[in-house]
Every structure is written in C-alpha cells, then in structure tokens.
C-alpha atoms as a PDB file:
ATOM      1  CA  MET A   1     -44.186 -37.044  -7.644  1.00  0.00           C
ATOM      2  CA  ALA A   2     -41.840 -34.502  -6.081  1.00  0.00           C
ATOM      3  CA  LYS A   3     -43.057 -32.060  -3.469  1.00  0.00           C
ATOM      4  CA  ARG A   4     -43.266 -28.435  -4.435  1.00  0.00           C
ATOM      5  CA  GLY A   5     -40.839 -26.115  -2.685  1.00  0.00           C
ATOM      6  CA  GLY A   6     -37.906 -27.147  -0.549  1.00  0.00           C
ATOM      7  CA  PHE A   7     -35.788 -30.222  -0.911  1.00  0.00           C
ATOM      8  CA  PRO A   8     -36.802 -33.823  -0.238  1.00  0.00           C
ATOM      9  CA  GLY A   9     -35.461 -35.403   2.921  1.00  0.00           C
ATOM     10  CA  GLY A  10     -35.704 -32.382   5.198  1.00  0.00           C
ATOM     11  CA  MET A  11     -33.129 -30.134   3.509  1.00  0.00           C
ATOM     12  CA  PRO A  12     -34.788 -26.854   4.615  1.00  0.00           C
ATOM     13  CA  GLY A  13     -33.826 -27.575   8.239  1.00  0.00           C
ATOM     14  CA  ASN A  14     -30.292 -28.418   7.218  1.00  0.00           C
ATOM     15  CA  MET A  15     -30.160 -25.272   5.101  1.00  0.00           C
ATOM     16  CA  ASN A  16     -31.184 -23.192   8.124  1.00  0.00           C
ATOM     17  CA  ASN A  17     -28.401 -24.768  10.179  1.00  0.00           C
ATOM     18  CA  LEU A  18     -25.939 -24.104   7.390  1.00  0.00           C
ATOM     19  CA  MET A  19     -27.018 -20.461   7.218  1.00  0.00           C
ATOM     20  CA  LYS A  20     -26.644 -20.092  11.003  1.00  0.00           C
ATOM     21  CA  GLN A  21     -23.156 -21.590  10.834  1.00  0.00           C
ATOM     22  CA  ALA A  22     -22.222 -19.242   7.987  1.00  0.00           C
ATOM     23  CA  GLN A  23     -23.490 -16.233   9.953  1.00  0.00           C
ATOM     24  CA  ARG A  24     -21.555 -17.351  13.048  1.00  0.00           C
ATOM     25  CA  MET A  25     -18.416 -17.789  10.942  1.00  0.00           C
ATOM     26  CA  GLN A  26     -18.910 -14.326   9.437  1.00  0.00           C
ATOM     27  CA  ARG A  27     -19.180 -12.763  12.924  1.00  0.00           C
ATOM     28  CA  GLN A  28     -16.042 -14.596  14.045  1.00  0.00           C
ATOM     29  CA  MET A  29     -14.175 -13.428  10.953  1.00  0.00           C
ATOM     30  CA  GLU A  30     -15.235  -9.825  11.571  1.00  0.00           C
ATOM     31  CA  GLU A  31     -14.099 -10.038  15.209  1.00  0.00           C
ATOM     32  CA  LYS A  32     -10.739 -11.519  14.237  1.00  0.00           C
ATOM     33  CA  ALA A  33     -10.268  -8.920  11.487  1.00  0.00           C
ATOM     34  CA  LYS A  34     -10.860  -6.159  14.028  1.00  0.00           C
ATOM     35  CA  GLU A  35      -8.368  -7.783  16.434  1.00  0.00           C
ATOM     36  CA  MET A  36      -5.807  -8.095  13.628  1.00  0.00           C
ATOM     37  CA  GLU A  37      -6.186  -4.408  12.715  1.00  0.00           C
ATOM     38  CA  GLU A  38      -5.204  -3.432  16.258  1.00  0.00           C
ATOM     39  CA  LYS A  39      -2.082  -5.611  16.384  1.00  0.00           C
ATOM     40  CA  ILE A  40       1.397  -4.280  15.676  1.00  0.00           C
ATOM     41  CA  TYR A  41       4.006  -6.291  13.752  1.00  0.00           C
ATOM     42  CA  GLU A  42       7.713  -5.482  13.875  1.00  0.00           C
ATOM     43  CA  GLY A  43      10.181  -6.221  11.126  1.00  0.00           C
ATOM     44  CA  SER A  44      13.909  -5.610  11.335  1.00  0.00           C
ATOM     45  CA  ALA A  45      16.920  -5.494   9.033  1.00  0.00           C
ATOM     46  CA  GLY A  46      20.630  -4.926   9.329  1.00  0.00           C
ATOM     47  CA  GLY A  47      20.906  -7.074  12.431  1.00  0.00           C
ATOM     48  CA  GLY A  48      18.253  -5.013  14.199  1.00  0.00           C
ATOM     49  CA  ALA A  49      19.737  -1.636  13.215  1.00  0.00           C
ATOM     50  CA  VAL A  50      16.484  -0.773  11.434  1.00  0.00           C
ATOM     51  CA  LYS A  51      13.078  -1.635  12.887  1.00  0.00           C
ATOM     52  CA  VAL A  52       9.725  -0.911  11.276  1.00  0.00           C
ATOM     53  CA  CYS A  53       6.362  -1.487  12.934  1.00  0.00           C
ATOM     54  CA  VAL A  54       3.180  -1.889  10.919  1.00  0.00           C
ATOM     55  CA  SER A  55      -0.404  -2.253  12.025  1.00  0.00           C
ATOM     56  CA  GLY A  56      -2.866  -4.880  10.915  1.00  0.00           C
ATOM     57  CA  LYS A  57      -4.313  -2.132   8.733  1.00  0.00           C
ATOM     58  CA  LYS A  58      -1.084  -2.270   6.699  1.00  0.00           C
ATOM     59  CA  GLU A  59       0.036   1.146   7.912  1.00  0.00           C
ATOM     60  CA  ILE A  60       3.567   1.940   9.053  1.00  0.00           C
ATOM     61  CA  VAL A  61       3.292   3.151  12.641  1.00  0.00           C
ATOM     62  CA  SER A  62       6.978   3.631  13.498  1.00  0.00           C
ATOM     63  CA  VAL A  63      10.516   3.465  12.152  1.00  0.00           C
ATOM     64  CA  LYS A  64      13.515   3.105  14.488  1.00  0.00           C
ATOM     65  CA  LEU A  65      17.073   3.611  13.277  1.00  0.00           C
ATOM     66  CA  SER A  66      20.294   2.905  15.176  1.00  0.00           C
ATOM     67  CA  GLU A  67      22.829   5.722  14.952  1.00  0.00           C
ATOM     68  CA  GLU A  68      25.444   3.490  13.314  1.00  0.00           C
ATOM     69  CA  VAL A  69      23.186   2.804  10.323  1.00  0.00           C
ATOM     70  CA  VAL A  70      22.740   6.500   9.495  1.00  0.00           C
ATOM     71  CA  ASP A  71      25.584   7.234   7.074  1.00  0.00           C
ATOM     72  CA  PRO A  72      25.081  10.363   4.953  1.00  0.00           C
ATOM     73  CA  ASP A  73      27.431   8.878   2.362  1.00  0.00           C
ATOM     74  CA  ASP A  74      25.319   5.729   1.972  1.00  0.00           C
ATOM     75  CA  ILE A  75      21.672   6.765   1.905  1.00  0.00           C
ATOM     76  CA  GLU A  76      20.853   3.946  -0.518  1.00  0.00           C
ATOM     77  CA  MET A  77      21.793   1.270   2.032  1.00  0.00           C
ATOM     78  CA  LEU A  78      19.537   2.892   4.638  1.00  0.00           C
ATOM     79  CA  GLU A  79      16.661   3.045   2.172  1.00  0.00           C
ATOM     80  CA  ASP A  80      17.118  -0.660   1.371  1.00  0.00           C
ATOM     81  CA  LEU A  81      17.185  -1.577   5.064  1.00  0.00           C
ATOM     82  CA  ILE A  82      14.004   0.373   5.772  1.00  0.00           C
ATOM     83  CA  ALA A  83      12.231  -1.295   2.843  1.00  0.00           C
ATOM     84  CA  ALA A  84      13.444  -4.752   3.948  1.00  0.00           C
ATOM     85  CA  ALA A  85      12.274  -4.205   7.531  1.00  0.00           C
ATOM     86  CA  ALA A  86       8.880  -2.900   6.383  1.00  0.00           C
ATOM     87  CA  ASN A  87       8.416  -5.845   4.031  1.00  0.00           C
ATOM     88  CA  GLU A  88       9.320  -8.300   6.795  1.00  0.00           C
ATOM     89  CA  ALA A  89       6.730  -6.741   9.127  1.00  0.00           C
ATOM     90  CA  LEU A  90       4.082  -6.872   6.384  1.00  0.00           C
ATOM     91  CA  ARG A  91       4.882 -10.533   5.647  1.00  0.00           C
ATOM     92  CA  MET A  92       4.503 -11.354   9.345  1.00  0.00           C
ATOM     93  CA  MET A  93       1.129  -9.624   9.438  1.00  0.00           C
ATOM     94  CA  GLU A  94      -0.074 -11.369   6.259  1.00  0.00           C
ATOM     95  CA  LYS A  95       1.078 -14.775   7.515  1.00  0.00           C
ATOM     96  CA  GLU A  96      -0.799 -14.405  10.788  1.00  0.00           C
ATOM     97  CA  SER A  97      -3.867 -13.091   8.988  1.00  0.00           C
ATOM     98  CA  SER A  98      -3.877 -16.101   6.645  1.00  0.00           C
ATOM     99  CA  GLN A  99      -3.462 -18.516   9.552  1.00  0.00           C
ATOM    100  CA  VAL A 100      -6.331 -16.924  11.494  1.00  0.00           C
ATOM    101  CA  MET A 101      -8.678 -16.974   8.509  1.00  0.00           C
ATOM    102  CA  GLU A 102      -7.751 -20.569   7.674  1.00  0.00           C
ATOM    103  CA  SER A 103      -8.454 -21.628  11.262  1.00  0.00           C
ATOM    104  CA  LEU A 104     -11.886 -19.984  11.080  1.00  0.00           C
ATOM    105  CA  THR A 105     -12.874 -21.344   7.685  1.00  0.00           C
ATOM    106  CA  GLY A 106     -11.344 -24.774   8.154  1.00  0.00           C
ATOM    107  CA  GLY A 107      -9.699 -24.583   4.752  1.00  0.00           C
ATOM    108  CA  LEU A 108     -12.973 -23.806   2.956  1.00  0.00           C
ATOM    109  CA  SER A 109     -11.419 -20.850   1.150  1.00  0.00           C
ATOM    110  CA  GLY A 110      -9.788 -23.241  -1.318  1.00  0.00           C
ATOM    111  CA  MET A 111     -13.228 -24.272  -2.552  1.00  0.00           C
ATOM    112  CA  GLY A 112     -13.941 -21.004  -4.354  1.00  0.00           C
ATOM    113  CA  LEU A 113     -16.114 -19.618  -1.597  1.00  0.00           C
ATOM    114  CA  PRO A 114     -16.011 -15.853  -0.950  1.00  0.00           C
ATOM    115  CA  PHE A 115     -14.241 -16.149   2.448  1.00  0.00           C
END
C-alpha cells in the first residue's frame, strides 16, 4: 500500500534540493540580466564610418558619424549605414545574452521550461 503524501523513495528531500537549485539559478539569472543591461555593445558599418552603441536594455546610447559619410546628396546611404550598425550592435548584445543564459541553464531552455 502506498504512503499518503510525498513520493516513495525519499523524493521530498530531492524536491527540496531541486527547488533550492532552481532558486539559486533564478538569482544568478537576475544578476546576469542586470549586468547585461549595464553593458554597451558597439556596431559599425561603412568600414567604421558609422558606429552605433546600444545598451543591454536595447536602447541606442550613441551614434558616431565620420565626416566623409555625411553627404547631403545621399541621405539614403547614411540611413542604411546607421540601421546596419544598430542592427549589428543589437545582434552582438543578443548573442552574448543567449550565451550567458545558456551557460546558466545548462541548455535546459530547450526542454520547454520557462527560463
């Protein structure tokens, strides 16, 4: 006859350890997320003529343009370069964020878990 409550074989103790590990992982993820928000990522385009810096919060914090790239007769090219540099910076930030989270979760995110 099965015992009432809990799991046979001492599972409640293992469940407590699992919960502690999950809480520790959550704290680590929160710390890393805060660190990532404070980092700045730089993307460039046009051989470095356009540089865009974004924060880990996905906000553009600066745009630097070389004089030679500012051509009033070709605004479209400048717009494209700014977009390309911003997208590069965002990709860098996303890549690092994914790597950090994967290192914390040990690849568990592929199992349908909420982290």
